[in-house]
N, C-alpha and C. Protein backbone atom coordinates (compact mmCIF):
# COMPACT_ATOMS: atom_id res chain seq x y z
N MET A 1 47.51 -6.61 -53.65
CA MET A 1 48.00 -6.09 -54.90
C MET A 1 47.45 -4.68 -55.11
N ILE A 2 48.27 -3.78 -55.59
CA ILE A 2 47.87 -2.38 -55.75
C ILE A 2 46.69 -2.25 -56.71
N LEU A 3 46.67 -3.01 -57.79
CA LEU A 3 45.59 -2.91 -58.76
C LEU A 3 44.24 -3.25 -58.12
N ASP A 4 44.21 -4.27 -57.28
CA ASP A 4 42.96 -4.62 -56.59
C ASP A 4 42.51 -3.48 -55.68
N LEU A 5 43.45 -2.87 -55.02
CA LEU A 5 43.15 -1.74 -54.15
C LEU A 5 42.57 -0.57 -54.95
N LEU A 6 43.18 -0.28 -56.10
CA LEU A 6 42.71 0.82 -56.94
C LEU A 6 41.30 0.58 -57.47
N LYS A 7 40.95 -0.67 -57.66
CA LYS A 7 39.60 -0.99 -58.15
C LYS A 7 38.53 -0.74 -57.08
N GLN A 8 38.95 -0.57 -55.83
CA GLN A 8 38.02 -0.25 -54.74
C GLN A 8 37.87 1.26 -54.54
N ARG A 9 38.76 2.04 -55.14
CA ARG A 9 38.81 3.47 -54.88
C ARG A 9 37.60 4.21 -55.47
N TYR A 10 37.10 5.15 -54.72
CA TYR A 10 36.08 6.07 -55.20
C TYR A 10 36.31 7.41 -54.51
N SER A 11 35.69 8.45 -55.02
CA SER A 11 35.84 9.78 -54.43
C SER A 11 34.84 9.94 -53.30
N ALA A 12 35.31 9.81 -52.08
CA ALA A 12 34.45 9.94 -50.90
C ALA A 12 34.10 11.41 -50.67
N ARG A 13 32.85 11.65 -50.31
CA ARG A 13 32.42 13.02 -50.05
C ARG A 13 31.71 13.16 -48.70
N GLN A 14 31.78 12.12 -47.90
CA GLN A 14 31.30 12.17 -46.52
C GLN A 14 32.29 11.39 -45.69
N PHE A 15 32.83 12.07 -44.69
CA PHE A 15 33.89 11.45 -43.90
C PHE A 15 33.46 11.29 -42.45
N SER A 16 33.98 10.25 -41.81
CA SER A 16 33.74 10.05 -40.38
C SER A 16 34.60 11.06 -39.60
N GLU A 17 34.37 11.12 -38.31
CA GLU A 17 35.14 12.04 -37.47
C GLU A 17 36.48 11.46 -37.05
N LYS A 18 36.77 10.24 -37.46
CA LYS A 18 38.02 9.58 -37.08
C LYS A 18 39.21 10.38 -37.60
N PRO A 19 40.12 10.76 -36.70
CA PRO A 19 41.28 11.55 -37.14
C PRO A 19 42.29 10.69 -37.90
N ILE A 20 43.07 11.33 -38.72
CA ILE A 20 44.14 10.66 -39.44
C ILE A 20 45.39 10.70 -38.56
N LEU A 21 45.95 9.54 -38.31
CA LEU A 21 47.13 9.45 -37.45
C LEU A 21 48.31 10.20 -38.06
N LYS A 22 49.14 10.76 -37.18
CA LYS A 22 50.32 11.50 -37.62
C LYS A 22 51.23 10.63 -38.48
N ALA A 23 51.43 9.38 -38.08
CA ALA A 23 52.30 8.47 -38.85
C ALA A 23 51.73 8.22 -40.25
N ASP A 24 50.40 8.12 -40.35
CA ASP A 24 49.78 7.93 -41.66
C ASP A 24 49.95 9.18 -42.52
N LEU A 25 49.77 10.35 -41.93
CA LEU A 25 49.97 11.60 -42.66
C LEU A 25 51.41 11.69 -43.16
N GLU A 26 52.35 11.33 -42.31
CA GLU A 26 53.76 11.38 -42.71
C GLU A 26 54.03 10.45 -43.89
N ASP A 27 53.42 9.26 -43.90
CA ASP A 27 53.58 8.34 -45.03
C ASP A 27 52.96 8.92 -46.30
N ILE A 28 51.80 9.54 -46.17
CA ILE A 28 51.14 10.16 -47.32
C ILE A 28 52.03 11.25 -47.91
N LEU A 29 52.58 12.09 -47.04
CA LEU A 29 53.46 13.18 -47.51
C LEU A 29 54.75 12.63 -48.11
N GLU A 30 55.27 11.56 -47.53
CA GLU A 30 56.49 10.95 -48.08
C GLU A 30 56.24 10.42 -49.49
N ALA A 31 55.06 9.86 -49.72
CA ALA A 31 54.72 9.37 -51.06
C ALA A 31 54.74 10.52 -52.06
N GLY A 32 54.27 11.69 -51.65
CA GLY A 32 54.34 12.86 -52.53
C GLY A 32 55.76 13.33 -52.74
N ARG A 33 56.52 13.35 -51.66
CA ARG A 33 57.90 13.85 -51.74
C ARG A 33 58.76 13.04 -52.70
N ILE A 34 58.60 11.73 -52.70
CA ILE A 34 59.47 10.89 -53.52
C ILE A 34 58.92 10.67 -54.94
N SER A 35 57.89 11.39 -55.29
CA SER A 35 57.29 11.23 -56.62
C SER A 35 58.25 11.63 -57.73
N PRO A 36 58.13 11.00 -58.89
CA PRO A 36 58.94 11.42 -60.03
C PRO A 36 58.47 12.76 -60.57
N SER A 37 59.38 13.48 -61.18
CA SER A 37 59.03 14.74 -61.85
C SER A 37 59.96 14.92 -63.04
N GLY A 38 59.45 15.56 -64.07
CA GLY A 38 60.25 15.80 -65.27
C GLY A 38 61.50 16.59 -64.93
N GLY A 39 62.65 16.09 -65.36
CA GLY A 39 63.91 16.77 -65.07
C GLY A 39 64.24 16.80 -63.59
N ASN A 40 63.55 15.99 -62.80
CA ASN A 40 63.71 15.98 -61.34
C ASN A 40 63.55 17.37 -60.74
N GLU A 41 62.66 18.17 -61.32
CA GLU A 41 62.49 19.56 -60.86
C GLU A 41 61.85 19.65 -59.48
N GLN A 42 60.98 18.71 -59.14
CA GLN A 42 60.31 18.71 -57.84
C GLN A 42 59.77 20.10 -57.51
N ALA A 43 59.03 20.65 -58.44
CA ALA A 43 58.56 22.04 -58.33
C ALA A 43 57.33 22.18 -57.44
N TRP A 44 57.12 21.26 -56.54
CA TRP A 44 55.91 21.28 -55.73
C TRP A 44 56.16 21.66 -54.27
N HIS A 45 55.06 22.09 -53.66
CA HIS A 45 54.98 22.33 -52.22
C HIS A 45 53.64 21.76 -51.78
N PHE A 46 53.58 21.22 -50.57
CA PHE A 46 52.35 20.64 -50.04
C PHE A 46 51.95 21.40 -48.78
N ILE A 47 50.76 21.95 -48.78
CA ILE A 47 50.24 22.68 -47.62
C ILE A 47 49.24 21.76 -46.92
N VAL A 48 49.58 21.33 -45.72
CA VAL A 48 48.72 20.45 -44.93
C VAL A 48 47.71 21.32 -44.18
N VAL A 49 46.44 21.02 -44.37
CA VAL A 49 45.37 21.75 -43.69
C VAL A 49 44.61 20.74 -42.83
N ASN A 50 44.81 20.83 -41.52
CA ASN A 50 44.09 19.92 -40.61
C ASN A 50 43.40 20.67 -39.48
N ASP A 51 43.39 21.98 -39.54
CA ASP A 51 42.66 22.80 -38.58
C ASP A 51 41.19 22.87 -39.06
N PRO A 52 40.23 22.41 -38.23
CA PRO A 52 38.83 22.37 -38.67
C PRO A 52 38.28 23.71 -39.15
N GLU A 53 38.66 24.80 -38.50
CA GLU A 53 38.18 26.11 -38.94
C GLU A 53 38.74 26.48 -40.31
N LEU A 54 39.99 26.14 -40.53
CA LEU A 54 40.62 26.42 -41.83
C LEU A 54 40.01 25.54 -42.92
N ILE A 55 39.70 24.29 -42.59
CA ILE A 55 39.03 23.41 -43.57
C ILE A 55 37.66 23.98 -43.92
N PHE A 56 36.95 24.50 -42.93
CA PHE A 56 35.66 25.13 -43.17
C PHE A 56 35.82 26.30 -44.14
N SER A 57 36.80 27.15 -43.88
CA SER A 57 37.06 28.30 -44.76
C SER A 57 37.50 27.85 -46.15
N LEU A 58 38.26 26.78 -46.20
CA LEU A 58 38.71 26.24 -47.49
C LEU A 58 37.50 25.80 -48.32
N SER A 59 36.53 25.19 -47.68
CA SER A 59 35.33 24.76 -48.42
C SER A 59 34.60 25.96 -49.02
N ASP A 60 34.62 27.08 -48.32
CA ASP A 60 33.99 28.30 -48.85
C ASP A 60 34.66 28.79 -50.13
N VAL A 61 36.01 28.77 -50.16
CA VAL A 61 36.72 29.27 -51.34
C VAL A 61 36.77 28.21 -52.44
N CYS A 62 36.24 27.03 -52.14
CA CYS A 62 36.04 26.00 -53.17
C CYS A 62 34.60 26.09 -53.66
N PHE A 63 34.12 27.31 -53.76
CA PHE A 63 32.77 27.60 -54.23
C PHE A 63 31.72 26.81 -53.46
N ASN A 64 31.88 26.89 -52.13
CA ASN A 64 30.91 26.33 -51.18
C ASN A 64 30.66 24.84 -51.35
N GLN A 65 31.72 24.09 -51.57
CA GLN A 65 31.60 22.63 -51.58
C GLN A 65 31.58 22.16 -50.12
N SER A 66 30.40 22.20 -49.54
CA SER A 66 30.26 22.00 -48.10
C SER A 66 30.71 20.62 -47.63
N TRP A 67 30.71 19.62 -48.49
CA TRP A 67 31.14 18.28 -48.09
C TRP A 67 32.58 18.27 -47.60
N ILE A 68 33.40 19.23 -48.07
CA ILE A 68 34.80 19.31 -47.65
C ILE A 68 34.89 19.49 -46.13
N ARG A 69 33.91 20.14 -45.55
CA ARG A 69 33.92 20.45 -44.11
C ARG A 69 33.94 19.20 -43.24
N THR A 70 33.52 18.06 -43.78
CA THR A 70 33.49 16.82 -42.99
C THR A 70 34.85 16.13 -42.95
N SER A 71 35.79 16.63 -43.71
CA SER A 71 37.11 15.99 -43.80
C SER A 71 38.04 16.45 -42.68
N PRO A 72 38.85 15.53 -42.15
CA PRO A 72 39.83 15.92 -41.15
C PRO A 72 41.13 16.45 -41.75
N LEU A 73 41.27 16.33 -43.08
CA LEU A 73 42.55 16.69 -43.70
C LEU A 73 42.37 17.09 -45.16
N ALA A 74 43.03 18.17 -45.52
CA ALA A 74 43.14 18.56 -46.93
C ALA A 74 44.61 18.89 -47.18
N ILE A 75 45.08 18.56 -48.35
CA ILE A 75 46.44 18.92 -48.74
C ILE A 75 46.35 19.72 -50.03
N LEU A 76 46.84 20.95 -49.97
CA LEU A 76 46.90 21.79 -51.16
C LEU A 76 48.21 21.47 -51.87
N LEU A 77 48.09 21.04 -53.11
CA LEU A 77 49.26 20.80 -53.95
C LEU A 77 49.58 22.09 -54.67
N CYS A 78 50.77 22.59 -54.47
CA CYS A 78 51.17 23.87 -55.06
C CYS A 78 52.35 23.64 -56.00
N VAL A 79 52.54 24.59 -56.88
CA VAL A 79 53.68 24.53 -57.79
C VAL A 79 54.43 25.85 -57.73
N GLU A 80 55.72 25.74 -57.77
CA GLU A 80 56.59 26.91 -57.89
C GLU A 80 57.19 26.82 -59.29
N PRO A 81 56.62 27.57 -60.24
CA PRO A 81 57.03 27.43 -61.64
C PRO A 81 58.54 27.54 -61.83
N VAL A 82 59.03 26.70 -62.71
CA VAL A 82 60.45 26.67 -63.04
C VAL A 82 60.68 27.65 -64.18
N SER A 83 61.76 28.38 -64.11
CA SER A 83 62.09 29.35 -65.15
C SER A 83 62.26 28.65 -66.49
N ASP A 84 62.14 29.43 -67.55
CA ASP A 84 62.25 28.94 -68.92
C ASP A 84 63.66 28.50 -69.28
N GLU A 85 64.60 28.62 -68.37
CA GLU A 85 66.00 28.32 -68.68
C GLU A 85 66.21 26.90 -69.17
N ARG A 86 65.29 26.00 -68.91
CA ARG A 86 65.49 24.59 -69.26
C ARG A 86 64.81 24.20 -70.56
N GLY A 87 64.45 25.17 -71.37
CA GLY A 87 63.92 24.85 -72.69
C GLY A 87 62.43 24.56 -72.74
N CYS A 88 61.69 25.04 -71.74
CA CYS A 88 60.26 24.78 -71.71
C CYS A 88 59.54 25.35 -72.94
N ARG A 89 60.03 26.46 -73.46
CA ARG A 89 59.37 27.04 -74.64
C ARG A 89 59.42 26.08 -75.82
N ASN A 90 60.55 25.44 -76.01
CA ASN A 90 60.66 24.50 -77.13
C ASN A 90 59.70 23.33 -76.97
N ILE A 91 59.54 22.88 -75.75
CA ILE A 91 58.59 21.79 -75.49
C ILE A 91 57.18 22.23 -75.84
N GLN A 92 56.80 23.43 -75.38
CA GLN A 92 55.45 23.92 -75.65
C GLN A 92 55.24 24.18 -77.14
N CYS A 93 56.27 24.66 -77.82
CA CYS A 93 56.17 24.87 -79.28
C CYS A 93 55.91 23.55 -79.99
N SER A 94 56.54 22.49 -79.53
CA SER A 94 56.33 21.19 -80.18
C SER A 94 54.92 20.66 -79.92
N LYS A 95 54.32 21.04 -78.80
CA LYS A 95 52.96 20.59 -78.49
C LYS A 95 51.91 21.44 -79.22
N TYR A 96 52.20 22.72 -79.35
CA TYR A 96 51.24 23.67 -79.91
C TYR A 96 51.86 24.39 -81.09
N GLU A 97 52.15 23.65 -82.13
CA GLU A 97 52.84 24.19 -83.31
C GLU A 97 52.11 25.41 -83.88
N HIS A 98 50.79 25.41 -83.86
CA HIS A 98 50.01 26.53 -84.42
C HIS A 98 50.18 27.81 -83.59
N LEU A 99 50.72 27.71 -82.39
CA LEU A 99 50.95 28.89 -81.54
C LEU A 99 52.43 29.20 -81.38
N ARG A 100 53.26 28.59 -82.20
CA ARG A 100 54.72 28.70 -82.08
C ARG A 100 55.20 30.14 -81.94
N GLU A 101 54.80 31.02 -82.83
CA GLU A 101 55.28 32.42 -82.78
C GLU A 101 54.82 33.11 -81.51
N ASP A 102 53.58 32.86 -81.10
CA ASP A 102 53.07 33.47 -79.86
C ASP A 102 53.87 32.99 -78.65
N ILE A 103 54.18 31.71 -78.61
CA ILE A 103 54.94 31.15 -77.49
C ILE A 103 56.35 31.73 -77.46
N LEU A 104 57.00 31.78 -78.62
CA LEU A 104 58.37 32.29 -78.68
C LEU A 104 58.46 33.77 -78.34
N ASN A 105 57.42 34.53 -78.66
CA ASN A 105 57.44 35.98 -78.43
C ASN A 105 56.80 36.41 -77.11
N MET A 106 56.28 35.46 -76.36
CA MET A 106 55.62 35.78 -75.10
C MET A 106 56.65 36.27 -74.08
N PRO A 107 56.35 37.36 -73.36
CA PRO A 107 57.28 37.82 -72.32
C PRO A 107 57.52 36.70 -71.30
N LYS A 108 58.74 36.63 -70.81
CA LYS A 108 59.14 35.57 -69.87
C LYS A 108 58.22 35.50 -68.66
N GLU A 109 57.84 36.65 -68.11
CA GLU A 109 56.99 36.67 -66.92
C GLU A 109 55.65 36.01 -67.20
N LEU A 110 55.09 36.27 -68.38
CA LEU A 110 53.81 35.67 -68.74
C LEU A 110 53.96 34.17 -68.97
N PHE A 111 55.02 33.79 -69.67
CA PHE A 111 55.24 32.36 -69.94
C PHE A 111 55.38 31.59 -68.63
N ASP A 112 56.18 32.12 -67.72
CA ASP A 112 56.37 31.45 -66.42
C ASP A 112 55.05 31.37 -65.65
N ALA A 113 54.23 32.43 -65.76
CA ALA A 113 52.96 32.47 -65.03
C ALA A 113 51.97 31.44 -65.56
N LEU A 114 52.12 31.05 -66.81
CA LEU A 114 51.20 30.05 -67.37
C LEU A 114 51.45 28.67 -66.80
N ASN A 115 52.57 28.55 -66.10
CA ASN A 115 52.77 27.39 -65.25
C ASN A 115 52.78 26.06 -65.99
N GLN A 116 53.87 25.79 -66.61
CA GLN A 116 54.00 24.54 -67.37
C GLN A 116 54.23 23.33 -66.47
N GLU A 117 54.44 23.53 -65.18
CA GLU A 117 54.80 22.43 -64.28
C GLU A 117 53.64 21.93 -63.43
N GLU A 118 52.49 22.59 -63.51
CA GLU A 118 51.38 22.23 -62.63
C GLU A 118 50.99 20.75 -62.73
N HIS A 119 51.04 20.21 -63.94
CA HIS A 119 50.63 18.82 -64.12
C HIS A 119 51.47 17.85 -63.29
N GLN A 120 52.69 18.23 -62.97
CA GLN A 120 53.55 17.33 -62.20
C GLN A 120 53.07 17.16 -60.76
N THR A 121 52.33 18.14 -60.24
CA THR A 121 51.80 17.99 -58.89
C THR A 121 50.80 16.83 -58.83
N LYS A 122 50.18 16.54 -59.97
CA LYS A 122 49.20 15.45 -60.01
C LYS A 122 49.87 14.09 -59.82
N ILE A 123 51.13 13.98 -60.22
CA ILE A 123 51.87 12.74 -59.99
C ILE A 123 52.02 12.54 -58.48
N ALA A 124 52.46 13.60 -57.80
CA ALA A 124 52.64 13.52 -56.34
C ALA A 124 51.30 13.24 -55.66
N GLY A 125 50.26 13.92 -56.10
CA GLY A 125 48.94 13.72 -55.50
C GLY A 125 48.42 12.30 -55.69
N THR A 126 48.66 11.75 -56.85
CA THR A 126 48.22 10.37 -57.11
C THR A 126 48.94 9.40 -56.19
N GLN A 127 50.25 9.58 -56.04
CA GLN A 127 50.99 8.70 -55.13
C GLN A 127 50.49 8.85 -53.70
N MET A 128 50.18 10.09 -53.29
CA MET A 128 49.63 10.30 -51.95
C MET A 128 48.31 9.55 -51.79
N SER A 129 47.46 9.64 -52.80
CA SER A 129 46.15 8.99 -52.74
C SER A 129 46.27 7.48 -52.63
N VAL A 130 47.22 6.89 -53.34
CA VAL A 130 47.40 5.44 -53.30
C VAL A 130 47.88 4.99 -51.92
N VAL A 131 48.84 5.70 -51.36
CA VAL A 131 49.34 5.35 -50.02
C VAL A 131 48.22 5.52 -48.99
N ALA A 132 47.44 6.58 -49.12
CA ALA A 132 46.31 6.78 -48.20
C ALA A 132 45.31 5.63 -48.32
N LEU A 133 45.00 5.25 -49.54
CA LEU A 133 44.02 4.18 -49.77
C LEU A 133 44.48 2.87 -49.13
N GLU A 134 45.77 2.62 -49.20
CA GLU A 134 46.33 1.41 -48.60
C GLU A 134 46.05 1.38 -47.09
N LYS A 135 45.88 2.56 -46.49
CA LYS A 135 45.63 2.67 -45.05
C LYS A 135 44.13 2.82 -44.74
N GLY A 136 43.29 2.68 -45.76
CA GLY A 136 41.85 2.82 -45.57
C GLY A 136 41.38 4.26 -45.57
N ILE A 137 42.26 5.18 -45.96
CA ILE A 137 41.94 6.61 -46.02
C ILE A 137 41.61 6.94 -47.47
N TYR A 138 40.42 7.47 -47.69
CA TYR A 138 39.99 7.79 -49.05
C TYR A 138 40.27 9.27 -49.34
N SER A 139 40.29 9.59 -50.61
CA SER A 139 40.60 10.96 -51.01
C SER A 139 39.71 11.39 -52.17
N THR A 140 39.58 12.68 -52.30
CA THR A 140 38.84 13.26 -53.42
C THR A 140 39.62 14.45 -53.93
N TRP A 141 39.74 14.53 -55.25
CA TRP A 141 40.42 15.66 -55.89
C TRP A 141 39.46 16.84 -55.98
N VAL A 142 39.96 18.02 -55.68
CA VAL A 142 39.18 19.25 -55.82
C VAL A 142 39.97 20.18 -56.74
N SER A 143 39.41 20.42 -57.91
CA SER A 143 40.04 21.32 -58.88
C SER A 143 39.27 22.62 -59.02
N TYR A 144 38.07 22.64 -58.48
CA TYR A 144 37.16 23.77 -58.65
C TYR A 144 37.27 24.66 -57.41
N PHE A 145 38.12 25.70 -57.51
CA PHE A 145 38.31 26.61 -56.38
C PHE A 145 38.79 27.96 -56.90
N ASP A 146 38.64 28.97 -56.06
CA ASP A 146 39.10 30.32 -56.36
C ASP A 146 40.59 30.38 -55.99
N ALA A 147 41.45 30.32 -56.99
CA ALA A 147 42.90 30.24 -56.75
C ALA A 147 43.42 31.42 -55.95
N SER A 148 42.94 32.60 -56.24
CA SER A 148 43.39 33.79 -55.52
C SER A 148 42.98 33.72 -54.05
N ALA A 149 41.74 33.31 -53.80
CA ALA A 149 41.26 33.21 -52.42
C ALA A 149 41.99 32.11 -51.65
N VAL A 150 42.27 30.98 -52.31
CA VAL A 150 43.02 29.90 -51.67
C VAL A 150 44.42 30.39 -51.31
N SER A 151 45.05 31.10 -52.25
CA SER A 151 46.40 31.64 -52.00
C SER A 151 46.41 32.56 -50.80
N GLN A 152 45.41 33.41 -50.72
CA GLN A 152 45.32 34.36 -49.60
C GLN A 152 45.03 33.63 -48.29
N LEU A 153 44.08 32.71 -48.32
CA LEU A 153 43.70 31.97 -47.11
C LEU A 153 44.88 31.21 -46.51
N LEU A 154 45.68 30.58 -47.38
CA LEU A 154 46.78 29.74 -46.90
C LEU A 154 48.13 30.44 -47.00
N LYS A 155 48.09 31.76 -47.23
CA LYS A 155 49.28 32.63 -47.17
C LYS A 155 50.41 32.16 -48.09
N LEU A 156 50.06 31.85 -49.34
CA LEU A 156 51.08 31.42 -50.29
C LEU A 156 51.90 32.62 -50.75
N PRO A 157 53.20 32.46 -50.88
CA PRO A 157 54.01 33.54 -51.47
C PRO A 157 53.63 33.70 -52.94
N SER A 158 53.90 34.86 -53.50
CA SER A 158 53.49 35.13 -54.88
C SER A 158 54.16 34.20 -55.89
N SER A 159 55.28 33.60 -55.53
CA SER A 159 55.98 32.70 -56.45
C SER A 159 55.38 31.29 -56.48
N VAL A 160 54.42 31.02 -55.60
CA VAL A 160 53.83 29.68 -55.49
C VAL A 160 52.35 29.76 -55.88
N GLN A 161 51.92 28.81 -56.71
CA GLN A 161 50.54 28.81 -57.21
C GLN A 161 49.82 27.55 -56.76
N PRO A 162 48.55 27.68 -56.35
CA PRO A 162 47.78 26.48 -56.01
C PRO A 162 47.45 25.70 -57.28
N ALA A 163 47.57 24.37 -57.21
CA ALA A 163 47.29 23.54 -58.39
C ALA A 163 46.05 22.67 -58.18
N GLU A 164 46.03 21.92 -57.11
CA GLU A 164 44.94 20.99 -56.80
C GLU A 164 44.80 20.90 -55.29
N ILE A 165 43.65 20.47 -54.85
CA ILE A 165 43.43 20.18 -53.44
C ILE A 165 43.02 18.72 -53.34
N LEU A 166 43.64 18.00 -52.42
CA LEU A 166 43.24 16.63 -52.12
C LEU A 166 42.61 16.63 -50.73
N VAL A 167 41.41 16.10 -50.63
CA VAL A 167 40.70 16.01 -49.37
C VAL A 167 40.73 14.55 -48.93
N PHE A 168 41.12 14.30 -47.68
CA PHE A 168 41.31 12.94 -47.18
C PHE A 168 40.43 12.67 -45.96
N GLY A 169 40.10 11.40 -45.78
CA GLY A 169 39.39 10.99 -44.58
C GLY A 169 38.92 9.55 -44.68
N TYR A 170 38.40 9.06 -43.58
CA TYR A 170 37.79 7.74 -43.56
C TYR A 170 36.33 7.91 -43.98
N PRO A 171 35.88 7.18 -44.99
CA PRO A 171 34.52 7.39 -45.47
C PRO A 171 33.47 7.05 -44.41
N LYS A 172 32.45 7.88 -44.37
CA LYS A 172 31.34 7.67 -43.43
C LYS A 172 30.40 6.59 -43.96
N THR A 173 30.27 6.53 -45.25
CA THR A 173 29.42 5.53 -45.90
C THR A 173 30.24 4.78 -46.94
N THR A 174 29.74 3.64 -47.34
CA THR A 174 30.43 2.85 -48.35
C THR A 174 30.02 3.33 -49.74
N GLY A 175 31.00 3.54 -50.56
CA GLY A 175 30.73 3.95 -51.94
C GLY A 175 31.29 2.92 -52.89
N LYS A 176 31.24 3.24 -54.16
CA LYS A 176 31.83 2.34 -55.14
C LYS A 176 32.41 3.15 -56.29
N MET A 177 33.35 2.53 -56.97
CA MET A 177 33.99 3.17 -58.10
C MET A 177 32.95 3.40 -59.20
N ARG A 178 33.06 4.54 -59.85
CA ARG A 178 32.19 4.81 -60.99
C ARG A 178 32.58 3.91 -62.16
N THR A 179 31.65 3.72 -63.05
CA THR A 179 31.92 2.90 -64.23
C THR A 179 33.03 3.53 -65.05
N LYS A 180 33.97 2.71 -65.44
CA LYS A 180 35.11 3.17 -66.25
C LYS A 180 34.99 2.59 -67.66
N LYS A 181 35.60 3.26 -68.61
CA LYS A 181 35.60 2.77 -69.98
C LYS A 181 36.35 1.45 -70.07
N ASN A 182 35.98 0.64 -71.05
CA ASN A 182 36.67 -0.63 -71.28
C ASN A 182 38.06 -0.38 -71.84
N THR A 183 38.98 -1.26 -71.50
CA THR A 183 40.36 -1.15 -71.98
C THR A 183 40.39 -1.06 -73.50
N LYS A 184 39.60 -1.88 -74.18
CA LYS A 184 39.62 -1.90 -75.64
C LYS A 184 39.19 -0.55 -76.25
N ASP A 185 38.48 0.27 -75.47
CA ASP A 185 38.04 1.57 -75.98
C ASP A 185 39.07 2.67 -75.80
N ILE A 186 40.10 2.43 -74.99
CA ILE A 186 41.05 3.51 -74.72
C ILE A 186 42.51 3.16 -74.99
N VAL A 187 42.79 1.87 -75.20
CA VAL A 187 44.18 1.46 -75.42
C VAL A 187 44.40 1.14 -76.89
N HIS A 188 45.47 1.69 -77.45
CA HIS A 188 45.82 1.48 -78.86
C HIS A 188 47.29 1.10 -78.90
N TYR A 189 47.63 0.12 -79.70
CA TYR A 189 49.01 -0.36 -79.79
C TYR A 189 49.68 0.15 -81.07
N ASN A 190 50.86 0.68 -80.90
CA ASN A 190 51.72 1.11 -82.02
C ASN A 190 51.07 2.16 -82.91
N GLY A 191 50.21 2.96 -82.34
CA GLY A 191 49.53 4.03 -83.06
C GLY A 191 48.06 4.01 -82.72
N TYR A 192 47.36 5.07 -83.12
CA TYR A 192 45.93 5.16 -82.81
C TYR A 192 45.17 4.19 -83.67
């Protein structure tokens, strides 16, 4: 059962040297590809990094998170922002009513650059992580990185922005899930 599997998940930070099979990588990527997205925009791109030297360099631009170097695989989740043509401004105005005038008057280039679609890459990343876990491959999310340096290192076009990095591998040591809040503390029915 998927829920039982998720209860075993933890963020591994030491990986064995065991390589990830091509078929397993393809399944992980397929899980990302078929992920749901708002308006079916699918505004993501996935950059597979499995060259050891490039992974080493990637760890440097992740503010020297040296544990990344032990991983055989990293996937950069990128977003190609969708133009405002689909009413994104109205959505943001409804979320941030106190900033309504600023949002409506913001130049289109700036609004698009603020990247309203980045959160959707996390849906794809989560599905990738679950499929990997099913195969005994653990993953860790990396959000702390120099976006400009990552873009340069992995040769992203200017229209594509890095959103998150997922680091994958077989754990070298056994870990455990961190303590999570109780359901009664976070779930509310029919209102807060």
